[in-house]
Structures are given as structure tokens and as C-alpha cells.
Amino acid sequence: MTTDDLTAYSDPFVVVDYDPNWVVQFSNERDVILSAIGQYVMEVEHVGSTSIPGLAAKPIIDMQVVVNDFSNLTPCVEAMTQLGYTYKGLFGIPGREYFKRPGYHVHMVQMGNDEYTRKTLFLGYLREHEDACEEYAELKKHLAAKWTGHPEAHLKYGIDKTEFIMGILARAGYGINNK
């Protein structure tokens, strides 16, 4: 990820309390995406902090679009671009193709790859462990206050969450049967 990438990151840098409308926003956008690229997609999942009831989050709906493989990436990119998404390629994460538009981030992954596994384990753990979810919410709020106004706020915020995320992944069993 370059400084230019971060400068182009136009989503607001704010962490807010959970909003039940995020589920509706996801559902509506999922339907739009499926109408455009559904023939290439196995599933579209609501991921990220907005997908966990009660968790504070940046008000951006993250979606994981799961495909069998990336053999149809070109028509997917073309269709997503027509929907107003900007295609960012890997954007620093191998095994994921990334798209964004204001308020929405789409992470296209292959079923079962490492990115899919990590995200599934992390979110599953938070959904099942209220104490970890509350701890994560407090961390997110603290980091948002710490980095608000910094020109690389999104990057610094993400880096500062890494230790917590890796700890949750270890508790969820990541690394035992995978990379």
C-alpha cells in the first residue's frame, strides 16, 4: 500500500456505535452485486465489524465475495466498475481482490484460501465471545481517537489492531491446521 493509496482512501475515519441498519445496507448491496456478477460467485458474506451485532465500527460495509477461482476476474472487475466500485487489485493482501466505493468495501477471495480462513475464524470468534468483542470495540474506539486527523490514520489504525487480531486468531485455532 502506497501513500497515494492512502490519500485516495476517501472513507471517513470514525468509529461509531453499532447500527442495526448495517444489516439492511449489506442485504441491499449484496443483491446489487449478485445481479451483476452472481454467475461467478459462490456466496456474498457480510464481514468486518459492521457484521457483528453490538460491535462499534467504522461505518463501512465490508463484504466478502467468494469465488471458486479468479478465472472470471476480468468480467467481475468490469461489472463491479459499472456499479461504481474502484478496483484496487490485491491492495496489500495476497489472495484477495479488492474493490471500494464510498461506504462499501468488497473483498473477493477464493473459497478456503488463507484470507477467507482468517476472516471466518476471527469474526466467528468475536460472535461467540462477548468479552473479546467488547475488548475489540474498546480498542477500536481508543485507536480511532488516537489517530483521528493523522494523514495515515487508516494505516496506523490497522497496524495497531494487528496484535489483537493475531491473538484472537491464535485463540480461534489459526495456525494449528493452516499456515
C-alpha atoms as a PDB file:
ATOM      1  CA  MET A   1       0.000   0.000   0.000  1.00  0.00           C
ATOM      2  CA  THR A   2       1.457   3.344  -1.005  1.00  0.00           C
ATOM      3  CA  THR A   3       0.955   6.843   0.361  1.00  0.00           C
ATOM      4  CA  ASP A   4      -1.040   7.615  -2.807  1.00  0.00           C
ATOM      5  CA  ASP A   5      -3.330   4.683  -1.991  1.00  0.00           C
ATOM      6  CA  LEU A   6      -3.899   6.113   1.473  1.00  0.00           C
ATOM      7  CA  THR A   7      -4.512   9.609   0.144  1.00  0.00           C
ATOM      8  CA  ALA A   8      -7.151   8.197  -2.215  1.00  0.00           C
ATOM      9  CA  TYR A   9      -8.860   6.478   0.727  1.00  0.00           C
ATOM     10  CA  SER A  10     -11.908   8.735   0.950  1.00  0.00           C
ATOM     11  CA  ASP A  11     -13.984   6.900   3.558  1.00  0.00           C
ATOM     12  CA  PRO A  12     -14.424   8.821   6.804  1.00  0.00           C
ATOM     13  CA  PHE A  13     -12.124   7.866   9.642  1.00  0.00           C
ATOM     14  CA  VAL A  14     -14.521   7.459  12.538  1.00  0.00           C
ATOM     15  CA  VAL A  15     -15.630   4.579  14.757  1.00  0.00           C
ATOM     16  CA  VAL A  16     -19.282   4.675  15.778  1.00  0.00           C
ATOM     17  CA  ASP A  17     -21.600   2.514  17.872  1.00  0.00           C
ATOM     18  CA  TYR A  18     -23.300  -0.419  16.176  1.00  0.00           C
ATOM     19  CA  ASP A  19     -26.121   0.481  13.793  1.00  0.00           C
ATOM     20  CA  PRO A  20     -28.721  -2.246  13.053  1.00  0.00           C
ATOM     21  CA  ASN A  21     -29.272  -0.610   9.644  1.00  0.00           C
ATOM     22  CA  TRP A  22     -25.887  -2.004   8.556  1.00  0.00           C
ATOM     23  CA  VAL A  23     -27.579  -5.377   8.023  1.00  0.00           C
ATOM     24  CA  VAL A  24     -30.105  -3.771   5.659  1.00  0.00           C
ATOM     25  CA  GLN A  25     -27.370  -1.879   3.806  1.00  0.00           C
ATOM     26  CA  PHE A  26     -25.453  -5.125   3.345  1.00  0.00           C
ATOM     27  CA  SER A  27     -28.514  -7.021   2.134  1.00  0.00           C
ATOM     28  CA  ASN A  28     -29.384  -4.370  -0.436  1.00  0.00           C
ATOM     29  CA  GLU A  29     -25.823  -4.118  -1.756  1.00  0.00           C
ATOM     30  CA  ARG A  30     -25.425  -7.904  -1.836  1.00  0.00           C
ATOM     31  CA  ASP A  31     -28.457  -8.099  -4.113  1.00  0.00           C
ATOM     32  CA  VAL A  32     -26.983  -5.445  -6.425  1.00  0.00           C
ATOM     33  CA  ILE A  33     -23.653  -7.283  -6.609  1.00  0.00           C
ATOM     34  CA  LEU A  34     -25.308 -10.644  -7.214  1.00  0.00           C
ATOM     35  CA  SER A  35     -27.377  -9.161 -10.037  1.00  0.00           C
ATOM     36  CA  ALA A  36     -24.127  -8.029 -11.686  1.00  0.00           C
ATOM     37  CA  ILE A  37     -21.745 -10.956 -11.061  1.00  0.00           C
ATOM     38  CA  GLY A  38     -23.837 -13.677  -9.463  1.00  0.00           C
ATOM     39  CA  GLN A  39     -22.966 -16.233 -12.132  1.00  0.00           C
ATOM     40  CA  TYR A  40     -19.318 -16.133 -10.961  1.00  0.00           C
ATOM     41  CA  VAL A  41     -19.980 -16.054  -7.208  1.00  0.00           C
ATOM     42  CA  MET A  42     -20.439 -18.843  -4.678  1.00  0.00           C
ATOM     43  CA  GLU A  43     -21.606 -16.515  -1.900  1.00  0.00           C
ATOM     44  CA  VAL A  44     -21.548 -12.936  -0.673  1.00  0.00           C
ATOM     45  CA  GLU A  45     -20.993 -12.553   3.062  1.00  0.00           C
ATOM     46  CA  HIS A  46     -21.284  -9.573   5.383  1.00  0.00           C
ATOM     47  CA  VAL A  47     -17.865  -9.388   7.058  1.00  0.00           C
ATOM     48  CA  GLY A  48     -15.955  -6.855   9.098  1.00  0.00           C
ATOM     49  CA  SER A  49     -17.058  -5.138  12.258  1.00  0.00           C
ATOM     50  CA  THR A  50     -20.402  -3.949  10.839  1.00  0.00           C
ATOM     51  CA  SER A  51     -21.418  -7.617  10.578  1.00  0.00           C
ATOM     52  CA  ILE A  52     -21.191  -8.247  14.331  1.00  0.00           C
ATOM     53  CA  PRO A  53     -24.240  -7.113  16.335  1.00  0.00           C
ATOM     54  CA  GLY A  54     -23.230  -4.662  19.043  1.00  0.00           C
ATOM     55  CA  LEU A  55     -19.675  -4.028  17.804  1.00  0.00           C
ATOM     56  CA  ALA A  56     -18.523  -0.461  17.255  1.00  0.00           C
ATOM     57  CA  ALA A  57     -17.163   0.042  13.742  1.00  0.00           C
ATOM     58  CA  LYS A  58     -16.178   2.400  11.008  1.00  0.00           C
ATOM     59  CA  PRO A  59     -19.497   2.864   9.135  1.00  0.00           C
ATOM     60  CA  ILE A  60     -18.289   0.959   6.074  1.00  0.00           C
ATOM     61  CA  ILE A  61     -19.987  -2.224   4.941  1.00  0.00           C
ATOM     62  CA  ASP A  62     -17.380  -4.898   4.215  1.00  0.00           C
ATOM     63  CA  MET A  63     -18.448  -7.770   2.013  1.00  0.00           C
ATOM     64  CA  GLN A  64     -16.601 -10.942   1.161  1.00  0.00           C
ATOM     65  CA  VAL A  65     -17.408 -12.182  -2.319  1.00  0.00           C
ATOM     66  CA  VAL A  66     -16.395 -15.832  -2.508  1.00  0.00           C
ATOM     67  CA  VAL A  67     -15.499 -17.366  -5.864  1.00  0.00           C
ATOM     68  CA  ASN A  68     -14.220 -20.796  -6.887  1.00  0.00           C
ATOM     69  CA  ASP A  69     -11.197 -19.211  -8.564  1.00  0.00           C
ATOM     70  CA  PHE A  70     -10.167 -15.990 -10.238  1.00  0.00           C
ATOM     71  CA  SER A  71     -10.574 -17.257 -13.819  1.00  0.00           C
ATOM     72  CA  ASN A  72     -13.518 -14.851 -14.292  1.00  0.00           C
ATOM     73  CA  LEU A  73     -11.872 -11.865 -12.633  1.00  0.00           C
ATOM     74  CA  THR A  74     -11.969  -9.681 -15.762  1.00  0.00           C
ATOM     75  CA  PRO A  75     -15.765  -9.737 -16.204  1.00  0.00           C
ATOM     76  CA  CYS A  76     -16.163  -9.274 -12.439  1.00  0.00           C
ATOM     77  CA  VAL A  77     -13.931  -6.190 -12.473  1.00  0.00           C
ATOM     78  CA  GLU A  78     -15.838  -4.769 -15.442  1.00  0.00           C
ATOM     79  CA  ALA A  79     -19.218  -5.339 -13.788  1.00  0.00           C
ATOM     80  CA  MET A  80     -18.115  -4.001 -10.400  1.00  0.00           C
ATOM     81  CA  THR A  81     -16.722  -0.895 -12.111  1.00  0.00           C
ATOM     82  CA  GLN A  82     -20.123  -0.382 -13.751  1.00  0.00           C
ATOM     83  CA  LEU A  83     -21.637  -0.465 -10.242  1.00  0.00           C
ATOM     84  CA  GLY A  84     -19.367   2.405  -9.200  1.00  0.00           C
ATOM     85  CA  TYR A  85     -16.636   0.409  -7.489  1.00  0.00           C
ATOM     86  CA  THR A  86     -12.964   1.207  -7.927  1.00  0.00           C
ATOM     87  CA  TYR A  87     -10.838  -1.881  -8.444  1.00  0.00           C
ATOM     88  CA  LYS A  88      -7.701  -1.780  -6.276  1.00  0.00           C
ATOM     89  CA  GLY A  89      -6.187  -5.211  -7.065  1.00  0.00           C
ATOM     90  CA  LEU A  90      -4.601  -7.041  -4.142  1.00  0.00           C
ATOM     91  CA  PHE A  91      -4.174  -3.761  -2.211  1.00  0.00           C
ATOM     92  CA  GLY A  92      -1.550  -5.301   0.079  1.00  0.00           C
ATOM     93  CA  ILE A  93      -3.242  -8.629   0.820  1.00  0.00           C
ATOM     94  CA  PRO A  94      -2.270 -11.660  -1.294  1.00  0.00           C
ATOM     95  CA  GLY A  95      -5.203 -13.878  -2.235  1.00  0.00           C
ATOM     96  CA  ARG A  96      -7.751 -11.074  -2.200  1.00  0.00           C
ATOM     97  CA  GLU A  97      -9.016  -8.782  -4.956  1.00  0.00           C
ATOM     98  CA  TYR A  98     -10.265  -5.525  -3.504  1.00  0.00           C
ATOM     99  CA  PHE A  99     -12.987  -3.118  -4.656  1.00  0.00           C
ATOM    100  CA  LYS A 100     -14.276   0.002  -2.943  1.00  0.00           C
ATOM    101  CA  ARG A 101     -16.760   2.777  -3.259  1.00  0.00           C
ATOM    102  CA  PRO A 102     -17.905   5.210  -0.587  1.00  0.00           C
ATOM    103  CA  GLY A 103     -19.377   3.253   2.292  1.00  0.00           C
ATOM    104  CA  TYR A 104     -18.591  -0.197   0.856  1.00  0.00           C
ATOM    105  CA  HIS A 105     -15.542  -2.428   0.577  1.00  0.00           C
ATOM    106  CA  VAL A 106     -15.622  -5.712  -1.317  1.00  0.00           C
ATOM    107  CA  HIS A 107     -13.026  -8.394  -0.684  1.00  0.00           C
ATOM    108  CA  MET A 108     -13.129 -11.050  -3.409  1.00  0.00           C
ATOM    109  CA  VAL A 109     -11.487 -14.291  -2.283  1.00  0.00           C
ATOM    110  CA  GLN A 110     -11.330 -17.900  -3.322  1.00  0.00           C
ATOM    111  CA  MET A 111     -13.189 -20.371  -1.132  1.00  0.00           C
ATOM    112  CA  GLY A 112     -10.890 -21.755   1.532  1.00  0.00           C
ATOM    113  CA  ASN A 113      -7.836 -19.592   0.838  1.00  0.00           C
ATOM    114  CA  ASP A 114      -5.879 -18.132   3.748  1.00  0.00           C
ATOM    115  CA  GLU A 115      -7.624 -14.737   3.677  1.00  0.00           C
ATOM    116  CA  TYR A 116     -11.029 -16.467   3.719  1.00  0.00           C
ATOM    117  CA  THR A 117      -9.963 -18.707   6.613  1.00  0.00           C
ATOM    118  CA  ARG A 118      -8.554 -15.862   8.736  1.00  0.00           C
ATOM    119  CA  LYS A 119     -11.613 -13.655   8.294  1.00  0.00           C
ATOM    120  CA  THR A 120     -14.028 -16.512   9.008  1.00  0.00           C
ATOM    121  CA  LEU A 121     -12.193 -17.586  12.183  1.00  0.00           C
ATOM    122  CA  PHE A 122     -11.760 -14.039  13.505  1.00  0.00           C
ATOM    123  CA  LEU A 123     -15.374 -12.985  13.026  1.00  0.00           C
ATOM    124  CA  GLY A 124     -16.681 -16.311  14.305  1.00  0.00           C
ATOM    125  CA  TYR A 125     -14.651 -15.952  17.487  1.00  0.00           C
ATOM    126  CA  LEU A 126     -15.920 -12.424  18.121  1.00  0.00           C
ATOM    127  CA  ARG A 127     -19.519 -13.532  17.565  1.00  0.00           C
ATOM    128  CA  GLU A 128     -19.117 -16.352  20.089  1.00  0.00           C
ATOM    129  CA  HIS A 129     -17.114 -14.471  22.755  1.00  0.00           C
ATOM    130  CA  GLU A 130     -18.797 -11.317  24.021  1.00  0.00           C
ATOM    131  CA  ASP A 131     -15.805 -10.384  26.192  1.00  0.00           C
ATOM    132  CA  ALA A 132     -13.457 -10.412  23.173  1.00  0.00           C
ATOM    133  CA  CYS A 133     -15.987  -8.409  21.169  1.00  0.00           C
ATOM    134  CA  GLU A 134     -16.210  -5.773  23.912  1.00  0.00           C
ATOM    135  CA  GLU A 135     -12.407  -5.630  24.191  1.00  0.00           C
ATOM    136  CA  TYR A 136     -12.130  -5.153  20.428  1.00  0.00           C
ATOM    137  CA  ALA A 137     -14.738  -2.361  20.473  1.00  0.00           C
ATOM    138  CA  GLU A 138     -12.798  -0.504  23.172  1.00  0.00           C
ATOM    139  CA  LEU A 139      -9.535  -0.938  21.266  1.00  0.00           C
ATOM    140  CA  LYS A 140     -11.124   0.371  18.061  1.00  0.00           C
ATOM    141  CA  LYS A 141     -12.538   3.438  19.822  1.00  0.00           C
ATOM    142  CA  HIS A 142      -9.201   4.142  21.525  1.00  0.00           C
ATOM    143  CA  LEU A 143      -7.266   3.822  18.253  1.00  0.00           C
ATOM    144  CA  ALA A 144      -9.740   5.987  16.368  1.00  0.00           C
ATOM    145  CA  ALA A 145      -9.282   8.743  18.951  1.00  0.00           C
ATOM    146  CA  LYS A 146      -5.508   8.262  18.827  1.00  0.00           C
ATOM    147  CA  TRP A 147      -5.205   8.519  15.035  1.00  0.00           C
ATOM    148  CA  THR A 148      -8.010  10.914  14.045  1.00  0.00           C
ATOM    149  CA  GLY A 149      -6.557  13.720  11.958  1.00  0.00           C
ATOM    150  CA  HIS A 150      -3.347  11.883  11.115  1.00  0.00           C
ATOM    151  CA  PRO A 151      -2.701  11.745   7.342  1.00  0.00           C
ATOM    152  CA  GLU A 152      -2.147   7.981   7.550  1.00  0.00           C
ATOM    153  CA  ALA A 153      -4.898   7.305  10.104  1.00  0.00           C
ATOM    154  CA  HIS A 154      -6.336   4.253   8.291  1.00  0.00           C
ATOM    155  CA  LEU A 155      -2.921   2.627   8.008  1.00  0.00           C
ATOM    156  CA  LYS A 156      -1.863   3.372  11.611  1.00  0.00           C
ATOM    157  CA  TYR A 157      -5.246   2.203  12.942  1.00  0.00           C
ATOM    158  CA  GLY A 158      -4.948  -1.066  11.009  1.00  0.00           C
ATOM    159  CA  ILE A 159      -1.389  -1.715  12.155  1.00  0.00           C
ATOM    160  CA  ASP A 160      -2.283  -1.042  15.781  1.00  0.00           C
ATOM    161  CA  LYS A 161      -5.105  -3.625  15.627  1.00  0.00           C
ATOM    162  CA  THR A 162      -2.813  -6.377  14.311  1.00  0.00           C
ATOM    163  CA  GLU A 163      -1.611  -7.742  17.668  1.00  0.00           C
ATOM    164  CA  PHE A 164      -5.186  -8.058  18.935  1.00  0.00           C
ATOM    165  CA  ILE A 165      -6.354  -9.717  15.726  1.00  0.00           C
ATOM    166  CA  MET A 166      -3.466 -12.206  15.745  1.00  0.00           C
ATOM    167  CA  GLY A 167      -4.223 -13.036  19.373  1.00  0.00           C
ATOM    168  CA  ILE A 168      -7.858 -13.751  18.545  1.00  0.00           C
ATOM    169  CA  LEU A 169      -6.809 -15.887  15.572  1.00  0.00           C
ATOM    170  CA  ALA A 170      -4.498 -17.908  17.833  1.00  0.00           C
ATOM    171  CA  ARG A 171      -7.342 -18.430  20.325  1.00  0.00           C
ATOM    172  CA  ALA A 172      -9.602 -19.473  17.420  1.00  0.00           C
ATOM    173  CA  GLY A 173      -7.087 -22.125  16.386  1.00  0.00           C
ATOM    174  CA  TYR A 174      -5.500 -20.409  13.400  1.00  0.00           C
ATOM    175  CA  GLY A 175      -2.040 -21.769  12.739  1.00  0.00           C
ATOM    176  CA  ILE A 176      -2.778 -25.227  14.126  1.00  0.00           C
ATOM    177  CA  ASN A 177      -4.103 -26.738  10.895  1.00  0.00           C
ATOM    178  CA  ASN A 178      -3.303 -23.938   8.465  1.00  0.00           C
ATOM    179  CA  LYS A 179      -0.389 -21.639   7.636  1.00  0.00           C
END
